[in-house]
Amino acid sequence: MRFIFHPEAEKELNNAIDYYNDCRNNLGREFALEVHSTIRLILTHPESWSIIDEDVRRALVKRFPYGVLYSLEKNYIFILAVMNLHRDPDYWKVRKV
């Protein structure tokens, strides 16, 4: 199975990587590795995480206060958000397919 980022989710990921790199050298890289590790788990076991809204699930990222919000589509995983868990929890809802 493959995955596709919503354009805003990809921006969130890149912005978070930049933020963490500003905090400490290579911390952004560590964050990116954790997010991609989470995505690999989602691809392997897409139904393992709880549904948080209709058909949207959330997988938590280790070590960082982020979640990967996604939906299962016919042939792919659609990543709606790489969400900072300290942000308004409903901001991503306008991104649904």
Protein backbone atom coordinates (compact mmCIF):
# COMPACT_ATOMS: atom_id res chain seq x y z
CA MET A 1 0.00 0.00 0.00
CA ARG A 2 1.11 3.58 -0.60
CA PHE A 3 0.38 6.89 1.09
CA ILE A 4 -0.43 10.38 -0.12
CA PHE A 5 -0.11 13.60 1.88
CA HIS A 6 -2.73 16.31 1.77
CA PRO A 7 -0.70 19.39 0.68
CA GLU A 8 -1.32 21.09 4.03
CA ALA A 9 -0.19 17.97 5.92
CA GLU A 10 3.06 17.97 3.99
CA LYS A 11 3.54 21.66 4.86
CA GLU A 12 2.89 20.86 8.53
CA LEU A 13 5.53 18.14 8.45
CA ASN A 14 8.10 20.41 6.79
CA ASN A 15 7.34 23.30 9.15
CA ALA A 16 7.72 21.04 12.18
CA ILE A 17 11.03 19.71 10.83
CA ASP A 18 12.27 23.29 10.43
CA TYR A 19 11.06 24.20 13.92
CA TYR A 20 12.83 21.26 15.54
CA ASN A 21 16.03 21.95 13.58
CA ASP A 22 15.94 25.51 14.93
CA CYS A 23 15.64 24.08 18.45
CA ARG A 24 18.58 21.72 18.13
CA ASN A 25 20.85 20.50 15.37
CA ASN A 26 19.43 17.30 13.78
CA LEU A 27 16.30 17.29 15.97
CA GLY A 28 14.24 17.94 12.84
CA ARG A 29 15.76 14.86 11.25
CA GLU A 30 14.91 12.82 14.33
CA PHE A 31 11.33 14.10 14.16
CA ALA A 32 11.07 13.24 10.45
CA LEU A 33 12.34 9.71 11.15
CA GLU A 34 9.72 9.24 13.89
CA VAL A 35 6.93 10.49 11.64
CA HIS A 36 8.01 8.18 8.82
CA SER A 37 8.28 5.29 11.27
CA THR A 38 4.69 6.01 12.31
CA ILE A 39 3.62 6.08 8.66
CA ARG A 40 5.30 2.70 8.05
CA LEU A 41 3.33 1.26 10.99
CA ILE A 42 0.12 2.71 9.54
CA LEU A 43 0.88 1.12 6.17
CA THR A 44 1.51 -2.24 7.82
CA HIS A 45 -1.49 -2.15 10.18
CA PRO A 46 -3.87 0.54 8.89
CA GLU A 47 -6.80 -0.39 11.12
CA SER A 48 -4.85 -0.54 14.39
CA TRP A 49 -5.60 3.01 15.53
CA SER A 50 -8.88 4.36 16.82
CA ILE A 51 -11.28 6.27 14.64
CA ILE A 52 -11.49 9.85 15.87
CA ASP A 53 -13.99 11.24 13.35
CA GLU A 54 -16.06 9.32 10.79
CA ASP A 55 -13.34 7.46 8.85
CA VAL A 56 -10.29 9.35 10.18
CA ARG A 57 -7.80 7.62 12.48
CA ARG A 58 -4.93 9.01 14.54
CA ALA A 59 -1.59 7.36 15.16
CA LEU A 60 0.67 9.00 17.73
CA VAL A 61 4.28 9.82 16.93
CA LYS A 62 6.83 8.58 19.48
CA ARG A 63 8.92 11.15 21.38
CA PHE A 64 7.08 14.17 19.96
CA PRO A 65 3.64 15.69 20.68
CA TYR A 66 2.30 14.90 17.21
CA GLY A 67 -0.25 12.63 15.64
CA VAL A 68 -0.63 11.44 12.06
CA LEU A 69 -4.28 11.73 11.03
CA TYR A 70 -5.24 9.56 8.09
CA SER A 71 -8.05 7.83 6.28
CA LEU A 72 -8.08 4.48 4.53
CA GLU A 73 -8.87 4.89 0.87
CA LYS A 74 -9.34 2.12 -1.68
CA ASN A 75 -5.69 1.80 -2.74
CA TYR A 76 -3.80 4.13 -0.43
CA ILE A 77 -3.56 5.88 2.93
CA PHE A 78 -4.49 9.57 2.77
CA ILE A 79 -2.62 11.60 5.38
CA LEU A 80 -4.81 14.54 6.33
CA ALA A 81 -2.58 16.10 8.98
CA VAL A 82 0.68 15.86 10.85
CA MET A 83 -0.92 17.45 13.86
CA ASN A 84 0.68 19.14 16.81
CA LEU A 85 -1.37 17.73 19.68
CA HIS A 86 -1.31 21.10 21.45
CA ARG A 87 -3.23 22.71 18.58
CA ASP A 88 -7.00 23.05 18.11
CA PRO A 89 -8.04 19.41 17.58
CA ASP A 90 -10.57 20.13 14.82
CA TYR A 91 -8.60 22.43 12.50
CA TRP A 92 -7.93 19.66 9.95
CA LYS A 93 -11.58 18.73 9.34
CA VAL A 94 -11.87 20.99 6.28
CA ARG A 95 -9.27 18.76 4.54
CA LYS A 96 -11.37 15.63 4.14
CA VAL A 97 -11.41 13.96 0.73
